[in-house]
């Protein structure tokens, strides 16, 4: 498997003229990525001998909300036109499972009951039964019914 770190996935973490530190994010297993000699080929112009790169593998989906699954640190030995030589200085460390107690989940019981009412100006409204708060206006009743069905699924 060939994996190369992309320019937007490598960022400097300090602004030193030499022996800089960088962070890189990837979404493939670190053992596979570190086995590839061309891992840093695309970003070689950003790296110098003596730089350290901490590489983290994020879970699937949006990396800003995902959990780190693995991490490793490498030392850049040489960065040249034909490639980058590096050495693993901190081996791959598996972080472990996510903690579900940290995730915010809205219980299904907290959902308001919704009803469909005719709008005097045309179409139908979906509103909460208790407060009367209008969620959305629809042209047809089937569209309003789909909204109510999807509303319950989003929280579950």
N, C-alpha and C. Protein backbone atom coordinates (compact mmCIF):
# COMPACT_ATOMS: atom_id res chain seq x y z
N UNK A 1 0.84 -1.18 0.00
CA UNK A 1 0.00 0.00 0.00
C UNK A 1 0.89 1.24 0.00
N UNK A 2 0.62 2.14 -0.91
CA UNK A 2 1.37 3.39 -0.98
C UNK A 2 0.55 4.50 -0.35
N UNK A 3 1.16 5.19 0.59
CA UNK A 3 0.50 6.35 1.20
C UNK A 3 1.50 7.48 1.29
N UNK A 4 1.08 8.64 0.85
CA UNK A 4 1.94 9.83 0.92
C UNK A 4 1.19 10.92 1.67
N UNK A 5 1.88 11.57 2.60
CA UNK A 5 1.28 12.66 3.36
C UNK A 5 1.08 13.84 2.41
N UNK A 6 -0.10 14.41 2.46
CA UNK A 6 -0.46 15.54 1.60
C UNK A 6 -0.05 16.86 2.27
N UNK A 7 0.19 17.91 1.48
CA UNK A 7 0.64 19.18 2.06
C UNK A 7 -0.29 19.75 3.14
N UNK A 8 -1.59 19.61 2.97
CA UNK A 8 -2.51 20.15 3.97
C UNK A 8 -2.58 19.30 5.24
N UNK A 9 -1.99 18.10 5.20
CA UNK A 9 -1.99 17.22 6.36
C UNK A 9 -0.69 17.30 7.17
N UNK A 10 0.22 18.18 6.78
CA UNK A 10 1.46 18.39 7.53
C UNK A 10 1.51 19.85 7.96
N UNK A 11 1.73 20.07 9.25
CA UNK A 11 1.77 21.44 9.75
C UNK A 11 2.94 21.62 10.71
N UNK A 12 3.61 22.76 10.65
CA UNK A 12 4.69 23.01 11.61
C UNK A 12 4.11 23.33 12.98
N UNK A 13 4.72 22.79 14.03
CA UNK A 13 4.23 23.06 15.38
C UNK A 13 5.12 24.04 16.13
N UNK A 14 6.27 24.38 15.53
CA UNK A 14 7.10 25.47 16.07
C UNK A 14 7.80 26.16 14.90
N UNK A 15 8.33 27.35 15.13
CA UNK A 15 8.93 28.11 14.03
C UNK A 15 10.44 28.25 14.22
N UNK A 16 11.10 27.16 14.34
CA UNK A 16 12.55 27.17 14.52
C UNK A 16 13.23 27.07 13.15
N UNK A 17 14.39 27.74 12.96
CA UNK A 17 15.06 27.64 11.67
C UNK A 17 15.70 26.27 11.42
N UNK A 18 15.91 25.52 12.47
CA UNK A 18 16.43 24.15 12.30
C UNK A 18 15.84 23.29 13.42
N UNK A 19 15.85 22.00 13.23
CA UNK A 19 15.27 21.04 14.17
C UNK A 19 13.83 21.40 14.51
N UNK A 20 13.06 21.67 13.48
CA UNK A 20 11.65 22.02 13.66
C UNK A 20 10.83 20.79 14.02
N UNK A 21 9.65 21.05 14.54
CA UNK A 21 8.71 19.99 14.85
C UNK A 21 7.48 20.17 13.97
N UNK A 22 6.96 19.06 13.48
CA UNK A 22 5.79 19.07 12.62
C UNK A 22 4.78 18.06 13.15
N UNK A 23 3.55 18.25 12.77
CA UNK A 23 2.49 17.29 13.05
C UNK A 23 1.88 16.87 11.73
N UNK A 24 1.54 15.60 11.62
CA UNK A 24 0.92 15.09 10.39
C UNK A 24 -0.26 14.21 10.78
N UNK A 25 -1.32 14.32 9.99
CA UNK A 25 -2.50 13.49 10.24
C UNK A 25 -2.68 12.56 9.04
N UNK A 26 -3.03 11.32 9.34
CA UNK A 26 -3.31 10.34 8.28
C UNK A 26 -4.52 9.52 8.70
N UNK A 27 -5.05 8.74 7.76
CA UNK A 27 -6.21 7.91 8.06
C UNK A 27 -5.98 6.44 7.74
N UNK A 28 -4.73 6.05 7.55
CA UNK A 28 -4.40 4.65 7.31
C UNK A 28 -3.58 4.15 8.50
N UNK A 29 -3.51 2.84 8.72
CA UNK A 29 -2.71 2.33 9.84
C UNK A 29 -1.26 2.81 9.74
N UNK A 30 -0.72 3.24 10.86
CA UNK A 30 0.62 3.81 10.89
C UNK A 30 1.70 2.81 10.48
N UNK A 31 1.54 1.54 10.85
CA UNK A 31 2.54 0.54 10.46
C UNK A 31 2.68 0.48 8.95
N UNK A 32 1.54 0.54 8.23
CA UNK A 32 1.57 0.51 6.77
C UNK A 32 2.21 1.77 6.21
N UNK A 33 1.83 2.92 6.75
CA UNK A 33 2.35 4.20 6.24
C UNK A 33 3.85 4.32 6.49
N UNK A 34 4.33 3.94 7.67
CA UNK A 34 5.74 4.07 8.00
C UNK A 34 6.63 3.08 7.24
N UNK A 35 6.03 2.03 6.71
CA UNK A 35 6.79 1.07 5.92
C UNK A 35 7.07 1.59 4.51
N UNK A 36 6.38 2.65 4.11
CA UNK A 36 6.54 3.20 2.78
C UNK A 36 7.64 4.26 2.78
N UNK A 37 8.66 4.05 1.97
CA UNK A 37 9.78 5.00 1.91
C UNK A 37 9.37 6.34 1.31
N UNK A 38 8.29 6.37 0.55
CA UNK A 38 7.82 7.60 -0.09
C UNK A 38 6.77 8.34 0.73
N UNK A 39 6.67 8.06 2.01
CA UNK A 39 5.65 8.67 2.87
C UNK A 39 5.70 10.20 2.82
N UNK A 40 6.89 10.77 2.84
CA UNK A 40 7.06 12.23 2.87
C UNK A 40 7.41 12.82 1.50
N UNK A 41 7.26 12.05 0.44
CA UNK A 41 7.71 12.49 -0.88
C UNK A 41 7.06 13.81 -1.31
N UNK A 42 5.77 13.98 -1.13
CA UNK A 42 5.07 15.18 -1.59
C UNK A 42 5.45 16.40 -0.75
N UNK A 43 5.72 16.21 0.54
CA UNK A 43 6.00 17.34 1.45
C UNK A 43 7.49 17.50 1.75
N UNK A 44 8.35 16.89 0.95
CA UNK A 44 9.80 16.90 1.24
C UNK A 44 10.39 18.30 1.28
N UNK A 45 9.81 19.25 0.54
CA UNK A 45 10.36 20.61 0.54
C UNK A 45 10.10 21.33 1.86
N UNK A 46 9.19 20.82 2.67
CA UNK A 46 8.90 21.42 3.98
C UNK A 46 9.76 20.84 5.10
N UNK A 47 10.51 19.81 4.81
CA UNK A 47 11.26 19.11 5.84
C UNK A 47 12.76 19.26 5.65
N UNK A 48 13.48 19.33 6.78
CA UNK A 48 14.95 19.42 6.78
C UNK A 48 15.50 18.32 7.70
N UNK A 49 16.75 18.01 7.51
CA UNK A 49 17.41 17.03 8.39
C UNK A 49 17.35 17.55 9.83
N UNK A 50 16.96 16.69 10.75
CA UNK A 50 16.85 17.08 12.16
C UNK A 50 15.43 17.39 12.59
N UNK A 51 14.53 17.57 11.65
CA UNK A 51 13.13 17.83 12.00
C UNK A 51 12.49 16.58 12.58
N UNK A 52 11.54 16.79 13.49
CA UNK A 52 10.74 15.70 14.04
C UNK A 52 9.31 15.84 13.55
N UNK A 53 8.70 14.71 13.25
CA UNK A 53 7.31 14.72 12.80
C UNK A 53 6.53 13.74 13.67
N UNK A 54 5.51 14.26 14.34
CA UNK A 54 4.58 13.41 15.09
C UNK A 54 3.43 13.09 14.15
N UNK A 55 3.20 11.81 13.91
CA UNK A 55 2.16 11.37 12.99
C UNK A 55 1.03 10.75 13.79
N UNK A 56 -0.18 11.21 13.53
CA UNK A 56 -1.37 10.68 14.22
C UNK A 56 -2.36 10.13 13.21
N UNK A 57 -2.92 8.98 13.54
CA UNK A 57 -4.00 8.44 12.71
C UNK A 57 -5.31 8.72 13.40
N UNK A 58 -6.18 9.39 12.67
CA UNK A 58 -7.50 9.73 13.18
C UNK A 58 -8.52 8.70 12.74
N UNK A 59 -9.61 8.64 13.48
CA UNK A 59 -10.71 7.77 13.11
C UNK A 59 -11.41 8.29 11.86
N UNK A 60 -12.36 7.52 11.36
CA UNK A 60 -13.06 7.94 10.15
C UNK A 60 -13.93 9.17 10.39
N UNK A 61 -14.23 9.86 9.30
CA UNK A 61 -15.11 11.02 9.40
C UNK A 61 -14.32 12.31 9.57
N UNK A 62 -14.98 13.28 10.11
CA UNK A 62 -14.40 14.61 10.29
C UNK A 62 -13.27 14.54 11.32
N UNK A 63 -12.03 14.86 10.90
CA UNK A 63 -10.89 14.71 11.80
C UNK A 63 -10.96 15.68 12.97
N UNK A 64 -11.71 16.79 12.85
CA UNK A 64 -11.79 17.74 13.96
C UNK A 64 -12.62 17.19 15.12
N UNK A 65 -13.43 16.17 14.85
CA UNK A 65 -14.26 15.58 15.90
C UNK A 65 -13.88 14.14 16.20
N UNK A 66 -13.00 13.58 15.38
CA UNK A 66 -12.63 12.17 15.54
C UNK A 66 -11.60 11.99 16.65
N UNK A 67 -11.44 10.77 17.08
CA UNK A 67 -10.47 10.42 18.11
C UNK A 67 -9.18 9.95 17.45
N UNK A 68 -8.06 10.23 18.09
CA UNK A 68 -6.77 9.72 17.61
C UNK A 68 -6.70 8.24 17.95
N UNK A 69 -6.35 7.43 16.96
CA UNK A 69 -6.28 5.99 17.15
C UNK A 69 -4.86 5.50 17.40
N UNK A 70 -3.88 6.13 16.72
CA UNK A 70 -2.47 5.74 16.86
C UNK A 70 -1.60 6.98 16.72
N UNK A 71 -0.39 6.89 17.28
CA UNK A 71 0.58 7.97 17.09
C UNK A 71 1.98 7.38 17.04
N UNK A 72 2.87 8.11 16.37
CA UNK A 72 4.28 7.73 16.28
C UNK A 72 5.08 8.99 16.01
N UNK A 73 6.39 8.93 16.23
CA UNK A 73 7.24 10.08 15.97
C UNK A 73 8.45 9.62 15.15
N UNK A 74 8.79 10.43 14.14
CA UNK A 74 9.94 10.11 13.30
C UNK A 74 10.91 11.29 13.28
N UNK A 75 12.16 10.99 13.02
CA UNK A 75 13.22 11.98 12.87
C UNK A 75 13.63 11.98 11.40
N UNK A 76 13.65 13.15 10.79
CA UNK A 76 14.07 13.27 9.39
C UNK A 76 15.59 13.26 9.36
N UNK A 77 16.17 12.29 8.65
CA UNK A 77 17.63 12.17 8.55
C UNK A 77 18.16 12.93 7.35
N UNK A 78 17.39 12.93 6.25
CA UNK A 78 17.80 13.64 5.05
C UNK A 78 16.57 13.91 4.20
N UNK A 79 16.52 15.13 3.66
CA UNK A 79 15.44 15.49 2.74
C UNK A 79 16.09 15.95 1.45
N UNK A 80 15.90 15.18 0.40
CA UNK A 80 16.54 15.47 -0.88
C UNK A 80 15.51 15.42 -2.00
N UNK A 81 15.96 15.76 -3.19
CA UNK A 81 15.06 15.82 -4.35
C UNK A 81 14.43 14.46 -4.67
N UNK A 82 15.16 13.38 -4.42
CA UNK A 82 14.65 12.06 -4.77
C UNK A 82 13.93 11.35 -3.63
N UNK A 83 13.88 11.97 -2.44
CA UNK A 83 13.17 11.33 -1.34
C UNK A 83 13.58 11.85 0.02
N UNK A 84 12.94 11.29 1.03
CA UNK A 84 13.19 11.68 2.41
C UNK A 84 13.55 10.42 3.19
N UNK A 85 14.71 10.48 3.88
CA UNK A 85 15.11 9.36 4.74
C UNK A 85 14.70 9.72 6.16
N UNK A 86 14.05 8.79 6.84
CA UNK A 86 13.60 9.05 8.20
C UNK A 86 13.80 7.81 9.07
N UNK A 87 13.80 8.06 10.37
CA UNK A 87 13.95 6.98 11.36
C UNK A 87 12.85 7.11 12.39
N UNK A 88 12.28 5.99 12.78
CA UNK A 88 11.22 6.01 13.80
C UNK A 88 11.90 6.15 15.16
N UNK A 89 11.57 7.23 15.89
CA UNK A 89 12.19 7.44 17.20
C UNK A 89 11.21 7.12 18.34
N UNK A 90 9.91 7.15 18.07
CA UNK A 90 8.91 6.67 19.02
C UNK A 90 8.01 5.73 18.24
N UNK A 91 8.00 4.44 18.62
CA UNK A 91 7.24 3.47 17.84
C UNK A 91 5.73 3.75 17.89
N UNK A 92 5.02 3.07 17.03
CA UNK A 92 3.57 3.23 16.94
C UNK A 92 2.95 2.88 18.29
N UNK A 93 2.13 3.77 18.77
CA UNK A 93 1.41 3.56 20.03
C UNK A 93 -0.08 3.60 19.75
N UNK A 94 -0.76 2.51 20.05
CA UNK A 94 -2.21 2.45 19.88
C UNK A 94 -2.85 3.14 21.07
N UNK A 95 -3.74 4.07 20.81
CA UNK A 95 -4.32 4.89 21.88
C UNK A 95 -5.44 4.16 22.61
N UNK A 96 -6.31 3.49 21.91
CA UNK A 96 -7.40 2.78 22.57
C UNK A 96 -8.75 3.31 22.15
N UNK A 97 -9.77 2.72 22.72
CA UNK A 97 -11.14 3.04 22.33
C UNK A 97 -11.58 4.41 22.85
N UNK A 98 -12.54 4.97 22.16
CA UNK A 98 -13.11 6.26 22.56
C UNK A 98 -13.92 6.09 23.84
N UNK A 99 -14.07 7.18 24.58
CA UNK A 99 -14.84 7.16 25.81
C UNK A 99 -16.24 7.70 25.51
N UNK A 100 -17.24 6.83 25.51
CA UNK A 100 -18.59 7.27 25.16
C UNK A 100 -19.15 8.31 26.13
N UNK A 101 -18.66 8.34 27.35
CA UNK A 101 -19.19 9.31 28.32
C UNK A 101 -18.82 10.75 27.96
N UNK A 102 -17.83 10.92 27.08
CA UNK A 102 -17.45 12.27 26.66
C UNK A 102 -18.33 12.80 25.52
N UNK A 103 -19.03 11.91 24.86
CA UNK A 103 -19.89 12.31 23.75
C UNK A 103 -21.21 12.84 24.27
N UNK A 104 -21.68 13.91 23.64
CA UNK A 104 -22.95 14.49 24.03
C UNK A 104 -24.07 13.82 23.22
N UNK A 105 -25.00 13.21 23.93
CA UNK A 105 -26.10 12.53 23.27
C UNK A 105 -27.40 13.06 23.85
N UNK A 106 -28.28 13.47 22.96
CA UNK A 106 -29.58 13.96 23.40
C UNK A 106 -30.51 12.76 23.53
N UNK A 107 -31.03 12.49 24.72
CA UNK A 107 -31.93 11.34 24.88
C UNK A 107 -33.20 11.52 24.03
N UNK A 108 -33.70 10.42 23.54
CA UNK A 108 -34.90 10.45 22.71
C UNK A 108 -36.09 10.98 23.51
N UNK A 109 -36.10 10.74 24.82
CA UNK A 109 -37.21 11.19 25.65
C UNK A 109 -37.33 12.71 25.69
N UNK A 110 -36.23 13.43 25.44
CA UNK A 110 -36.25 14.89 25.49
C UNK A 110 -36.83 15.53 24.24
N UNK A 111 -37.14 14.72 23.23
CA UNK A 111 -37.69 15.27 22.01
C UNK A 111 -39.13 15.72 22.22
N UNK A 112 -39.44 16.84 21.65
CA UNK A 112 -40.81 17.36 21.76
C UNK A 112 -41.71 16.58 20.81
N UNK A 113 -42.97 16.46 21.20
CA UNK A 113 -43.96 15.86 20.31
C UNK A 113 -44.33 16.88 19.25
N UNK A 114 -44.37 16.42 18.00
CA UNK A 114 -44.67 17.31 16.89
C UNK A 114 -46.05 16.99 16.32
N UNK A 115 -46.67 18.02 15.76
CA UNK A 115 -47.96 17.83 15.10
C UNK A 115 -47.97 18.61 13.80
N UNK A 116 -48.86 18.20 12.91
CA UNK A 116 -49.03 18.87 11.63
C UNK A 116 -50.32 19.67 11.69
N UNK A 117 -50.23 20.96 11.35
CA UNK A 117 -51.42 21.82 11.32
C UNK A 117 -51.45 22.57 9.99
N UNK A 118 -52.66 22.90 9.55
CA UNK A 118 -52.81 23.65 8.31
C UNK A 118 -52.39 25.10 8.52
N UNK A 119 -51.68 25.64 7.55
CA UNK A 119 -51.25 27.03 7.58
C UNK A 119 -52.32 27.86 6.84
N UNK A 120 -52.86 28.90 7.50
CA UNK A 120 -53.88 29.70 6.84
C UNK A 120 -53.39 30.35 5.53
N UNK A 121 -52.10 30.51 5.39
CA UNK A 121 -51.56 31.13 4.18
C UNK A 121 -51.20 30.10 3.11
N UNK A 122 -51.53 28.85 3.35
CA UNK A 122 -51.25 27.77 2.40
C UNK A 122 -50.19 26.83 2.91
N UNK A 123 -50.32 25.58 2.60
CA UNK A 123 -49.37 24.56 3.03
C UNK A 123 -49.68 24.07 4.44
N UNK A 124 -48.68 23.44 5.04
CA UNK A 124 -48.83 22.90 6.40
C UNK A 124 -47.62 23.30 7.24
N UNK A 125 -47.82 23.33 8.56
CA UNK A 125 -46.76 23.64 9.51
C UNK A 125 -46.50 22.43 10.38
N UNK A 126 -45.25 22.23 10.75
CA UNK A 126 -44.88 21.24 11.76
C UNK A 126 -44.50 22.03 12.99
N UNK A 127 -45.22 21.78 14.09
CA UNK A 127 -44.96 22.54 15.32
C UNK A 127 -44.98 21.61 16.52
N UNK A 128 -44.40 22.10 17.62
CA UNK A 128 -44.38 21.34 18.87
C UNK A 128 -45.76 21.43 19.51
N UNK A 129 -46.22 20.32 20.08
CA UNK A 129 -47.56 20.27 20.66
C UNK A 129 -47.66 21.17 21.89
N UNK A 130 -46.69 21.09 22.80
CA UNK A 130 -46.78 21.83 24.06
C UNK A 130 -46.53 23.33 23.88
N UNK A 131 -45.44 23.69 23.24
CA UNK A 131 -45.06 25.11 23.17
C UNK A 131 -45.64 25.84 21.96
N UNK A 132 -46.01 25.11 20.93
CA UNK A 132 -46.50 25.74 19.72
C UNK A 132 -45.39 26.27 18.83
N UNK A 133 -44.12 26.01 19.19
CA UNK A 133 -42.98 26.46 18.39
C UNK A 133 -43.03 25.79 17.02
N UNK A 134 -42.98 26.60 15.96
CA UNK A 134 -43.02 26.08 14.60
C UNK A 134 -41.63 25.65 14.17
N UNK A 135 -41.51 24.39 13.76
CA UNK A 135 -40.24 23.85 13.28
C UNK A 135 -40.01 24.19 11.82
N UNK A 136 -41.04 23.96 10.99
CA UNK A 136 -40.84 24.13 9.57
C UNK A 136 -42.17 24.27 8.84
N UNK A 137 -42.12 24.92 7.69
CA UNK A 137 -43.29 25.07 6.82
C UNK A 137 -43.10 24.19 5.59
N UNK A 138 -44.16 23.45 5.22
CA UNK A 138 -44.10 22.58 4.06
C UNK A 138 -45.26 22.87 3.13
N UNK A 139 -45.07 22.56 1.85
CA UNK A 139 -46.14 22.74 0.87
C UNK A 139 -47.14 21.60 0.92
N UNK A 140 -46.65 20.39 1.26
CA UNK A 140 -47.53 19.21 1.26
C UNK A 140 -47.45 18.48 2.60
N UNK A 141 -48.51 17.76 2.89
CA UNK A 141 -48.56 17.00 4.14
C UNK A 141 -47.60 15.81 4.14
N UNK A 142 -47.42 15.07 3.02
CA UNK A 142 -46.44 13.97 3.04
C UNK A 142 -45.01 14.44 3.37
N UNK A 143 -44.63 15.62 2.90
CA UNK A 143 -43.30 16.14 3.22
C UNK A 143 -43.19 16.43 4.71
N UNK A 144 -44.26 16.94 5.31
CA UNK A 144 -44.27 17.21 6.75
C UNK A 144 -44.17 15.91 7.54
N UNK A 145 -44.86 14.87 7.08
CA UNK A 145 -44.80 13.57 7.76
C UNK A 145 -43.39 12.99 7.70
N UNK A 146 -42.71 13.14 6.55
CA UNK A 146 -41.32 12.66 6.44
C UNK A 146 -40.41 13.40 7.41
N UNK A 147 -40.65 14.70 7.57
CA UNK A 147 -39.84 15.50 8.49
C UNK A 147 -40.01 14.98 9.92
N UNK A 148 -41.23 14.70 10.32
CA UNK A 148 -41.49 14.20 11.68
C UNK A 148 -40.81 12.85 11.88
N UNK A 149 -40.88 11.99 10.87
CA UNK A 149 -40.23 10.67 10.97
C UNK A 149 -38.71 10.82 11.10
N UNK A 150 -38.11 11.69 10.28
CA UNK A 150 -36.67 11.91 10.34
C UNK A 150 -36.24 12.59 11.62
N UNK A 151 -37.09 13.42 12.20
CA UNK A 151 -36.79 14.13 13.45
C UNK A 151 -36.52 13.14 14.57
N UNK A 152 -37.30 12.10 14.64
CA UNK A 152 -37.08 11.07 15.67
C UNK A 152 -35.83 10.25 15.43
N UNK A 153 -35.48 10.02 14.16
CA UNK A 153 -34.29 9.22 13.83
C UNK A 153 -32.99 9.96 14.13
N UNK A 154 -32.98 11.29 13.97
CA UNK A 154 -31.75 12.08 14.18
C UNK A 154 -31.27 11.99 15.62
N UNK A 155 -32.18 11.93 16.56
CA UNK A 155 -31.79 11.91 17.97
C UNK A 155 -31.41 10.52 18.44
N UNK A 156 -31.88 9.50 17.75
CA UNK A 156 -31.61 8.13 18.19
C UNK A 156 -30.22 7.70 17.85
